Protein backbone atom coordinates (compact mmCIF):
# COMPACT_ATOMS: atom_id res chain seq x y z
CA UNK A 1 121.11 127.06 60.93
CA UNK A 2 120.52 123.94 62.75
CA UNK A 3 117.18 122.15 61.09
CA UNK A 4 114.53 119.95 63.17
CA UNK A 5 114.08 116.39 63.10
CA UNK A 6 111.42 114.43 60.70
CA UNK A 7 110.54 111.94 62.91
CA UNK A 8 110.90 110.72 66.59
CA UNK A 9 114.16 109.65 68.03
CA UNK A 10 114.80 106.12 66.28
CA UNK A 11 117.17 104.83 68.96
CA UNK A 12 115.20 105.49 71.87
CA UNK A 13 112.05 104.01 70.16
CA UNK A 14 114.31 101.08 69.58
CA UNK A 15 115.19 100.71 73.25
CA UNK A 16 111.41 100.98 73.73
CA UNK A 17 110.24 98.44 71.69
CA UNK A 18 112.94 96.02 72.80
CA UNK A 19 111.75 96.54 76.22
CA UNK A 20 108.52 96.23 75.75
CA UNK A 21 108.72 93.15 74.02
CA UNK A 22 110.70 91.72 76.34
CA UNK A 23 108.36 92.79 78.95
CA UNK A 24 105.33 90.90 77.61
CA UNK A 25 107.26 87.84 77.03
CA UNK A 26 108.93 87.79 80.79
CA UNK A 27 105.17 88.71 82.16
CA UNK A 28 103.52 86.14 80.32
CA UNK A 29 105.67 83.24 81.24
CA UNK A 30 105.37 84.83 85.21
CA UNK A 31 101.81 84.43 85.02
CA UNK A 32 101.93 80.84 83.10
CA UNK A 33 101.72 78.45 86.50
CA UNK A 34 99.10 80.28 87.49
CA UNK A 35 97.15 80.36 83.99
CA UNK A 36 97.75 76.67 83.49
CA UNK A 37 95.99 75.97 86.74
CA UNK A 38 93.12 77.59 86.37
CA UNK A 39 92.85 78.20 82.75
CA UNK A 40 92.71 76.31 79.35
CA UNK A 41 94.14 79.45 77.51
CA UNK A 42 97.31 81.66 78.24
CA UNK A 43 95.30 84.45 79.81
CA UNK A 44 98.18 86.32 81.28
CA UNK A 45 99.85 86.59 77.35
CA UNK A 46 96.93 87.74 76.08
CA UNK A 47 96.31 90.22 78.73
CA UNK A 48 100.09 91.46 78.54
CA UNK A 49 99.25 91.85 74.78
CA UNK A 50 95.90 93.55 75.34
CA UNK A 51 97.98 96.61 77.43
CA UNK A 52 100.93 96.62 74.81
CA UNK A 53 98.37 97.34 72.42
CA UNK A 54 96.46 99.92 74.54
CA UNK A 55 99.59 101.27 75.22
CA UNK A 56 101.24 101.62 71.93
CA UNK A 57 97.75 103.81 71.35
CA UNK A 58 98.63 105.71 74.30
CA UNK A 59 102.26 106.42 73.10
CA UNK A 60 101.11 107.58 69.78
CA UNK A 61 98.46 110.24 71.42
CA UNK A 62 100.98 111.52 73.49
CA UNK A 63 103.46 111.59 71.27
CA UNK A 64 101.66 113.52 68.36
CA UNK A 65 99.74 116.78 69.59
CA UNK A 66 102.92 119.75 70.24
CA UNK A 67 104.80 119.33 73.78
CA UNK A 68 104.16 123.43 74.22
CA UNK A 69 100.73 122.72 74.55
CA UNK A 70 101.48 122.11 78.40
CA UNK A 71 103.20 125.28 79.20
CA UNK A 72 99.69 127.08 78.82
CA UNK A 73 98.77 127.51 82.64
CA UNK A 74 95.32 126.28 81.63
CA UNK A 75 96.49 123.26 80.58
CA UNK A 76 98.71 122.51 83.11
CA UNK A 77 96.58 123.22 85.77
CA UNK A 78 93.68 121.41 84.11
CA UNK A 79 95.61 118.21 84.13
CA UNK A 80 97.09 118.96 87.65
CA UNK A 81 93.41 119.32 89.06
CA UNK A 82 92.20 115.80 86.90
CA UNK A 83 94.94 114.10 88.43
CA UNK A 84 94.05 115.26 92.17
CA UNK A 85 90.34 113.80 91.54
CA UNK A 86 91.85 110.63 90.15
CA UNK A 87 93.78 110.03 92.93
CA UNK A 88 91.12 111.03 95.54
CA UNK A 89 88.42 107.95 93.74
CA UNK A 90 90.59 105.18 95.35
CA UNK A 91 88.58 106.71 98.73
CA UNK A 92 85.45 105.95 97.40
CA UNK A 93 85.76 102.04 96.31
CA UNK A 94 86.38 99.95 99.30
CA UNK A 95 89.78 99.22 100.47
CA UNK A 96 92.07 96.56 98.93
CA UNK A 97 94.49 94.71 101.42
CA UNK A 98 93.33 97.30 103.79
CA UNK A 99 94.94 100.14 100.92
CA UNK A 100 93.29 102.86 98.89
CA UNK A 101 95.44 102.28 95.46
CA UNK A 102 92.70 100.88 93.02
CA UNK A 103 89.74 101.63 91.63
CA UNK A 104 87.49 98.17 91.08
CA UNK A 105 84.34 98.04 88.64
CA UNK A 106 83.51 94.74 87.74
CA UNK A 107 86.60 93.05 86.51
CA UNK A 108 88.52 96.19 85.53
CA UNK A 109 91.21 97.44 87.94
CA UNK A 110 92.88 100.65 87.76
CA UNK A 111 96.10 102.26 89.81
CA UNK A 112 95.74 106.50 89.92
CA UNK A 113 99.38 106.36 91.15
CA UNK A 114 100.44 105.23 87.95
CA UNK A 115 98.44 107.11 85.39
CA UNK A 116 99.78 109.78 87.32
CA UNK A 117 103.47 109.83 86.58
CA UNK A 118 103.37 111.24 83.25
CA UNK A 119 100.96 114.16 84.62
CA UNK A 120 103.88 114.44 87.34
CA UNK A 121 106.48 115.18 84.38
CA UNK A 122 104.25 117.11 82.53
CA UNK A 123 103.08 119.78 85.51
CA UNK A 124 106.95 119.76 87.09
CA UNK A 125 108.42 120.48 83.69
CA UNK A 126 105.85 123.36 82.82
CA UNK A 127 106.60 124.97 86.26
CA UNK A 128 109.99 124.55 85.98
CA UNK A 129 109.94 126.50 82.79
CA UNK A 130 108.21 129.15 83.89
CA UNK A 131 110.19 129.49 87.19
CA UNK A 132 113.73 130.27 84.98
CA UNK A 133 116.37 131.34 86.82
CA UNK A 134 114.23 131.78 89.74
CA UNK A 135 114.41 128.28 90.82
CA UNK A 136 117.56 129.41 92.33
CA UNK A 137 115.36 130.85 94.94
CA UNK A 138 112.89 129.27 97.68
CA UNK A 139 110.69 131.36 95.69
CA UNK A 140 110.98 129.70 92.64
CA UNK A 141 111.28 126.18 94.17
CA UNK A 142 107.59 126.59 95.99
CA UNK A 143 105.63 125.89 92.81
CA UNK A 144 107.43 122.92 91.55
CA UNK A 145 107.70 121.67 95.36
CA UNK A 146 103.77 122.23 96.23
CA UNK A 147 102.40 120.82 93.05
CA UNK A 148 104.72 117.61 94.01
CA UNK A 149 104.01 117.44 97.17
CA UNK A 150 100.17 117.17 96.88
CA UNK A 151 100.38 114.33 94.45
CA UNK A 152 102.73 112.55 96.78
CA UNK A 153 100.69 113.55 100.00
CA UNK A 154 97.54 112.11 98.24
CA UNK A 155 99.21 108.58 96.94
CA UNK A 156 100.36 108.51 100.67
CA UNK A 157 97.22 108.18 102.09
CA UNK A 158 96.01 105.70 100.27
CA UNK A 159 99.01 103.93 102.44
CA UNK A 160 101.56 103.48 99.68
CA UNK A 161 104.83 105.14 100.31
CA UNK A 162 107.45 103.90 97.84
CA UNK A 163 105.70 105.81 94.78
CA UNK A 164 105.85 109.00 96.40
CA UNK A 165 109.76 108.28 97.68
CA UNK A 166 109.99 107.39 93.75
CA UNK A 167 107.82 110.64 92.95
CA UNK A 168 110.25 112.64 95.31
CA UNK A 169 113.37 111.47 93.66
CA UNK A 170 112.46 112.39 90.45
CA UNK A 171 111.39 116.01 91.55
CA UNK A 172 114.55 116.58 93.20
CA UNK A 173 116.50 115.12 89.93
CA UNK A 174 114.57 117.80 87.90
CA UNK A 175 115.17 120.80 90.34
CA UNK A 176 118.57 119.99 90.34
CA UNK A 177 119.16 120.02 86.59
CA UNK A 178 116.97 122.97 86.13
CA UNK A 179 119.59 124.69 88.46
CA UNK A 180 118.87 124.54 92.13
CA UNK A 181 121.54 125.63 94.55
CA UNK A 182 123.19 122.69 96.35
CA UNK A 183 122.07 124.62 99.87
CA UNK A 184 118.50 124.37 98.88
CA UNK A 185 118.88 120.39 98.11
CA UNK A 186 120.37 119.61 100.99
CA UNK A 187 117.54 120.98 102.67
CA UNK A 188 115.01 119.13 100.74
CA UNK A 189 117.17 116.35 101.48
CA UNK A 190 117.08 116.53 105.38
CA UNK A 191 113.05 117.34 104.78
CA UNK A 192 112.80 114.31 102.85
CA UNK A 193 114.72 112.07 105.11
CA UNK A 194 112.64 113.24 108.10
CA UNK A 195 109.00 112.91 106.20
CA UNK A 196 110.15 109.61 105.44
CA UNK A 197 110.83 108.57 108.73
CA UNK A 198 107.86 110.00 110.00
CA UNK A 199 105.51 108.20 108.00
CA UNK A 200 107.57 104.88 108.23
CA UNK A 201 106.93 105.12 111.65
CA UNK A 202 103.26 105.33 111.18
CA UNK A 203 102.74 101.37 110.20
CA UNK A 204 104.13 98.78 112.29
CA UNK A 205 104.70 96.58 108.65
CA UNK A 206 106.83 99.40 107.39
CA UNK A 207 108.84 99.18 110.12
CA UNK A 208 109.39 95.71 110.16
CA UNK A 209 109.90 95.63 106.38
CA UNK A 210 112.74 98.58 107.11
CA UNK A 211 114.45 96.18 109.72
CA UNK A 212 114.09 93.20 108.17
CA UNK A 213 116.01 94.45 105.17
CA UNK A 214 118.73 94.56 107.84
CA UNK A 215 118.64 91.17 108.95
CA UNK A 216 117.27 88.80 106.19
CA UNK A 217 120.13 86.89 105.32
CA UNK A 218 120.74 86.02 108.78
CA UNK A 219 120.46 82.32 109.62
CA UNK A 220 116.35 81.21 110.40
CA UNK A 221 117.90 80.16 113.66
CA UNK A 222 118.71 84.36 114.14
CA UNK A 223 115.43 85.42 112.93
CA UNK A 224 111.76 85.54 115.29
CA UNK A 225 108.67 83.71 113.33
CA UNK A 226 107.65 87.32 112.12
CA UNK A 227 110.87 88.74 111.06
CA UNK A 228 110.97 85.17 108.84
CA UNK A 229 107.76 85.82 107.31
CA UNK A 230 108.45 89.44 106.39
CA UNK A 231 111.79 88.16 104.96
CA UNK A 232 109.93 85.25 103.05
CA UNK A 233 109.64 87.47 99.85
CA UNK A 234 113.24 88.75 99.39
CA UNK A 235 114.09 85.26 100.48
CA UNK A 236 112.56 83.80 97.49
CA UNK A 237 113.51 86.21 95.32
CA UNK A 238 116.88 85.67 95.98
CA UNK A 239 116.97 82.12 95.64
CA UNK A 240 115.42 82.98 92.41
CA UNK A 241 118.46 84.99 91.02
CA UNK A 242 120.86 82.63 92.40
CA UNK A 243 119.49 79.69 90.59
CA UNK A 244 119.33 81.23 87.17
CA UNK A 245 122.96 81.63 87.09
CA UNK A 246 124.66 83.15 84.44
CA UNK A 247 122.97 82.35 81.33
CA UNK A 248 119.66 81.43 83.02
CA UNK A 249 117.38 78.53 82.56
CA UNK A 250 115.36 79.18 79.75
CA UNK A 251 112.11 81.11 79.50
CA UNK A 252 109.30 79.41 81.22
CA UNK A 253 111.22 77.13 83.04
CA UNK A 254 111.46 79.51 86.39
CA UNK A 255 110.43 77.34 89.37
CA UNK A 256 110.09 80.05 92.20
CA UNK A 257 106.86 82.00 90.16
CA UNK A 258 105.20 78.46 90.83
CA UNK A 259 103.62 80.06 94.40
CA UNK A 260 107.10 80.76 95.74
CA UNK A 261 107.39 84.04 94.93
CA UNK A 262 104.42 86.56 95.57
CA UNK A 263 103.62 89.06 93.00
CA UNK A 264 106.14 87.05 91.02
CA UNK A 265 104.58 88.62 87.93
CA UNK A 266 104.33 91.82 89.28
CA UNK A 267 106.66 93.69 92.17
CA UNK A 268 108.96 90.79 91.74
CA UNK A 269 109.12 90.07 88.02
CA UNK A 270 112.74 90.78 87.99
CA UNK A 271 113.52 87.69 89.89
CA UNK A 272 111.25 85.83 86.91
CA UNK A 273 113.66 87.65 84.75
CA UNK A 274 116.84 86.39 86.11
CA UNK A 275 115.72 83.13 86.55
CA UNK A 276 114.74 82.46 83.43
CA UNK A 277 117.33 85.12 81.67
CA UNK A 278 120.26 85.06 84.43
CA UNK A 279 122.59 87.32 85.60
CA UNK A 280 123.35 88.45 81.19
CA UNK A 281 119.81 88.57 81.03
CA UNK A 282 119.05 90.76 83.91
CA UNK A 283 122.23 93.00 83.12
CA UNK A 284 121.08 93.42 79.97
CA UNK A 285 117.75 94.35 81.11
CA UNK A 286 119.04 97.10 83.18
CA UNK A 287 121.38 98.50 80.45
CA UNK A 288 118.27 98.91 77.91
CA UNK A 289 116.44 100.98 80.99
CA UNK A 290 120.19 102.83 81.12
CA UNK A 291 120.13 103.40 77.65
CA UNK A 292 116.76 105.20 78.08
CA UNK A 293 117.87 107.63 80.89
CA UNK A 294 121.00 108.45 78.98
CA UNK A 295 119.01 108.88 75.33
CA UNK A 296 116.55 111.10 77.06
CA UNK A 297 119.37 113.14 78.44
CA UNK A 298 120.94 113.48 75.03
CA UNK A 299 117.13 114.43 73.62
CA UNK A 300 117.06 117.28 76.57
CA UNK A 301 120.16 118.57 75.45
CA UNK A 302 118.58 119.15 72.13
CA UNK A 303 115.42 120.43 73.19
CA UNK A 304 114.33 123.98 71.54
CA UNK A 305 113.52 125.45 74.74
CA UNK A 306 113.75 124.78 78.75
CA UNK A 307 110.04 122.85 78.86
CA UNK A 308 111.07 120.22 76.40
CA UNK A 309 114.47 119.90 78.05
CA UNK A 310 112.78 119.00 81.21
CA UNK A 311 109.77 116.81 79.95
CA UNK A 312 112.25 114.67 78.09
CA UNK A 313 114.71 114.37 81.32
CA UNK A 314 111.77 113.97 83.85
CA UNK A 315 109.93 110.69 81.79
CA UNK A 316 113.01 108.94 80.69
CA UNK A 317 114.74 109.67 84.55
CA UNK A 318 111.29 108.32 85.87
CA UNK A 319 111.56 105.35 83.50
CA UNK A 320 115.31 104.33 84.48
CA UNK A 321 115.13 105.28 88.09
CA UNK A 322 111.66 103.01 88.74
CA UNK A 323 113.26 99.90 87.35
CA UNK A 324 116.58 100.70 89.43
CA UNK A 325 114.43 100.93 92.32
CA UNK A 326 112.30 97.40 91.39
CA UNK A 327 115.47 95.82 90.42
CA UNK A 328 117.29 97.48 93.99
CA UNK A 329 114.40 95.54 95.86
CA UNK A 330 114.63 92.12 94.41
CA UNK A 331 118.39 91.60 94.86
CA UNK A 332 117.89 92.63 98.39
CA UNK A 333 120.14 96.26 98.36
CA UNK A 334 116.50 98.30 99.29
CA UNK A 335 113.76 97.45 101.46
CA UNK A 336 111.20 95.38 100.40
CA UNK A 337 108.44 97.87 98.38
CA UNK A 338 106.00 96.96 95.62
CA UNK A 339 106.77 98.87 92.72
CA UNK A 340 106.24 97.06 89.03
CA UNK A 341 108.86 96.97 86.50
CA UNK A 342 108.25 99.07 83.78
CA UNK A 343 106.76 97.44 80.40
CA UNK A 344 107.51 94.23 82.95
CA UNK A 345 104.92 94.06 85.59
CA UNK A 346 101.51 92.62 84.92
CA UNK A 347 99.32 95.71 85.91
CA UNK A 348 97.70 97.48 82.77
CA UNK A 349 97.93 101.00 84.57
CA UNK A 350 101.85 100.67 85.05
CA UNK A 351 102.02 99.68 81.45
CA UNK A 352 100.20 102.64 80.28
CA UNK A 353 101.93 105.03 82.44
CA UNK A 354 105.23 103.25 81.33
CA UNK A 355 103.70 104.37 77.80
CA UNK A 356 102.56 107.47 78.01
CA UNK A 357 106.22 108.44 79.38
CA UNK A 358 107.63 106.96 76.85
CA UNK A 359 105.72 109.06 74.57
CA UNK A 360 106.38 112.44 76.37
CA UNK A 361 110.19 111.99 75.33
CA UNK A 362 109.30 111.16 71.50
CA UNK A 363 107.31 114.30 71.31
CA UNK A 364 109.92 116.27 72.15
CA UNK A 365 112.45 114.70 70.04
CA UNK A 366 109.99 115.13 66.99
CA UNK A 367 110.39 118.61 68.10
CA UNK A 368 114.40 119.19 69.01
CA UNK A 369 117.19 120.49 66.99
CA UNK A 370 119.13 117.82 65.00
CA UNK A 371 122.82 118.54 66.13
CA UNK A 372 124.59 116.72 68.55
CA UNK A 373 125.23 118.51 71.25
CA UNK A 374 123.47 122.37 71.70
CA UNK A 375 125.29 125.48 72.59
CA UNK A 376 123.56 125.37 75.94
CA UNK A 377 124.31 122.14 78.39
CA UNK A 378 122.07 121.83 81.30
CA UNK A 379 122.15 123.54 84.09
CA UNK A 380 123.04 121.98 86.95
CA UNK A 381 125.08 119.52 85.31
CA UNK A 382 127.81 120.70 82.84
CA UNK A 383 129.85 124.51 84.11
CA UNK A 384 127.99 127.53 82.44
CA UNK A 385 125.02 125.78 81.84
CA UNK A 386 121.48 127.87 81.94
CA UNK A 387 118.12 126.97 82.49
């Protein structure tokens, strides 16, 4: 008979530690120039260390309680209702840059859409585990899609399109793993594309970004002044990545972060990473995130039940998908959109969400089988699987 793990998965924990420490160093470096211009002390580095400590505490808080509590309807609905309330709170505060994404009280700032990420994974896992084989019908798909749709819709009302798209990608990945029929998935993809096009057309700046995505590499003479303004951030990001070369300029030696690249410490921190650590450092960081996705998939296969399986998959994939999207934006492979890089971007809300997602995977690993391969492969990915 298989035994249980006596501790969290060491390999996954090691990957998280490497990313977290690397994130503190890179985000601290990205903010160093601004700190030097306005503060005698490295405030950015100190702030990153504080966020790191809070994140580790939250990881332990998420990891210790038995994840099976999330399978109880009362717990799942309480989490969902609390998250809906949290996402509604920004509408009671003054907008920031004409958006309702933050709760700001004094010097503290909180982004509810970030904190909703681990909750989304939890409620989706509970809904999919409850659906079982009914996920192959529209009836079984309704609950997880409605739950994810409500959270994504509230974030979209705050004038944030990128995060709902990320929610949708994770939701689609989980329902695929649960065994949803391909014709249903195709219909969901078509509906998602229509919703995305409709949401993009409602805001002029979104259309400008999508248009600029196709033309930012053109010469200045071919671009209108408005288009050049829209392309400015991406162009500065590409300059940073290109100047880093193979091995990079070295930590702290980025020049683009010196007020050339907007949001260098947050939405475009991967560009600073590429300039200072070069192509090799960038590939190494992407590899660590892909390692999280791989290891969470392995741990999902060892889970004792579908709930643990979907929790590990959703949390690990969330981190990896968000990292790949962030890297795609900074390299010009995807349209410009402000999404933080997990563990690296300066925002405290993003750091807490990243550690909470990692804590979910480690929670499942604490209570999983120690055999290398489960008898039941993941439904939807290997033949003969069952959800």
